Amino acid sequence: MLVYENYNKFISATDTIRSMKSNVDGMDATMQELRSRLGAPQNQRPVIGCDPNCSHTVLIGLRHLSVIVSRRLRTIHRRRLEGPLPMQVG
């Protein structure tokens, strides 16, 4: 009975990992598009209709957003390189 339960857990974990892998594989094109869109504002002059202090505040906010997105991208790529999480037997 214990072998059967462990086998069912293994099959369930395998299905979950396969599902996660297909979700991550589909994200490549989306992530590439996101990178190109994030790179585009660096080449353009921002059009902001307020005083220089307001523009500075907006730019700081955009930089903060860029840092957050970069960290998320690194986390996703690191997890893809590390592979699936190890299963606990017990």
Protein backbone atom coordinates (compact mmCIF):
# COMPACT_ATOMS: atom_id res chain seq x y z
CA MET A 1 0.00 0.00 0.00
CA LEU A 2 2.85 2.39 0.85
CA VAL A 3 4.48 1.74 -2.54
CA TYR A 4 1.18 2.54 -4.28
CA GLU A 5 0.81 5.83 -2.38
CA ASN A 6 4.39 6.85 -3.18
CA TYR A 7 3.85 5.93 -6.83
CA ASN A 8 0.74 8.13 -6.98
CA LYS A 9 2.65 11.01 -5.40
CA PHE A 10 5.45 10.53 -7.92
CA ILE A 11 3.02 10.53 -10.87
CA SER A 12 1.27 13.62 -9.52
CA ALA A 13 4.60 15.42 -9.04
CA THR A 14 5.70 14.44 -12.55
CA ASP A 15 2.47 15.81 -14.04
CA THR A 16 2.89 19.04 -12.06
CA ILE A 17 6.48 19.48 -13.25
CA ARG A 18 5.46 18.77 -16.86
CA SER A 19 2.69 21.37 -16.59
CA MET A 20 5.06 23.93 -15.08
CA LYS A 21 7.62 23.26 -17.82
CA SER A 22 5.07 23.84 -20.57
CA ASN A 23 4.00 27.11 -18.90
CA VAL A 24 7.61 28.32 -18.67
CA ASP A 25 8.43 27.27 -22.25
CA GLY A 26 5.56 29.40 -23.52
CA MET A 27 6.91 32.42 -21.68
CA ASP A 28 10.08 32.76 -23.80
CA ALA A 29 8.44 34.83 -26.53
CA THR A 30 6.62 36.96 -23.96
CA MET A 31 9.82 37.62 -22.01
CA GLN A 32 11.68 38.54 -25.21
CA GLU A 33 8.94 41.02 -26.10
CA LEU A 34 9.05 42.45 -22.58
CA ARG A 35 12.83 42.92 -22.83
CA SER A 36 12.49 44.76 -26.14
CA ARG A 37 9.78 47.00 -24.73
CA LEU A 38 11.82 47.76 -21.63
CA GLY A 39 14.85 48.61 -23.74
CA ALA A 40 12.89 50.95 -26.03
CA PRO A 41 12.24 53.77 -23.49
CA GLN A 42 15.97 54.15 -22.91
CA ASN A 43 16.35 55.26 -26.54
CA GLN A 44 13.48 57.77 -26.46
CA ARG A 45 13.10 61.12 -24.75
CA PRO A 46 10.32 60.90 -22.16
CA VAL A 47 7.37 63.15 -22.87
CA ILE A 48 6.28 64.41 -19.47
CA GLY A 49 4.25 67.58 -19.12
CA CYS A 50 5.41 68.76 -15.71
CA ASP A 51 8.32 70.50 -14.05
CA PRO A 52 11.84 68.98 -13.92
CA ASN A 53 11.35 67.72 -10.35
CA CYS A 54 8.27 65.78 -11.44
CA SER A 55 10.21 64.31 -14.38
CA HIS A 56 12.97 63.23 -12.02
CA THR A 57 10.47 61.52 -9.73
CA VAL A 58 8.88 59.69 -12.66
CA LEU A 59 12.29 58.55 -13.90
CA ILE A 60 13.22 57.25 -10.44
CA GLY A 61 9.95 55.29 -10.40
CA LEU A 62 10.68 53.85 -13.84
CA ARG A 63 14.18 52.85 -12.78
CA HIS A 64 12.76 51.12 -9.71
CA LEU A 65 10.32 49.23 -11.95
CA SER A 66 13.16 48.24 -14.26
CA VAL A 67 15.15 46.83 -11.31
CA ILE A 68 12.14 44.79 -10.15
CA VAL A 69 11.57 43.33 -13.64
CA SER A 70 15.28 42.50 -14.01
CA ARG A 71 15.26 40.65 -10.69
CA ARG A 72 12.17 38.69 -11.71
CA LEU A 73 13.77 37.72 -15.02
CA ARG A 74 16.95 36.56 -13.27
CA THR A 75 14.88 34.50 -10.81
CA ILE A 76 12.93 32.84 -13.62
CA HIS A 77 16.10 32.00 -15.58
CA ARG A 78 17.91 30.73 -12.46
CA ARG A 79 14.97 28.44 -11.64
CA ARG A 80 14.93 27.13 -15.20
CA LEU A 81 18.65 26.32 -14.97
CA GLU A 82 18.34 24.65 -11.55
CA GLY A 83 15.61 22.33 -12.78
CA PRO A 84 12.67 20.98 -10.80
CA LEU A 85 12.58 21.08 -7.04
CA PRO A 86 13.76 17.87 -5.33
CA MET A 87 10.98 15.60 -4.12
CA GLN A 88 10.68 14.72 -0.46
CA VAL A 89 10.23 11.06 0.25
CA GLY A 90 8.37 10.25 3.38
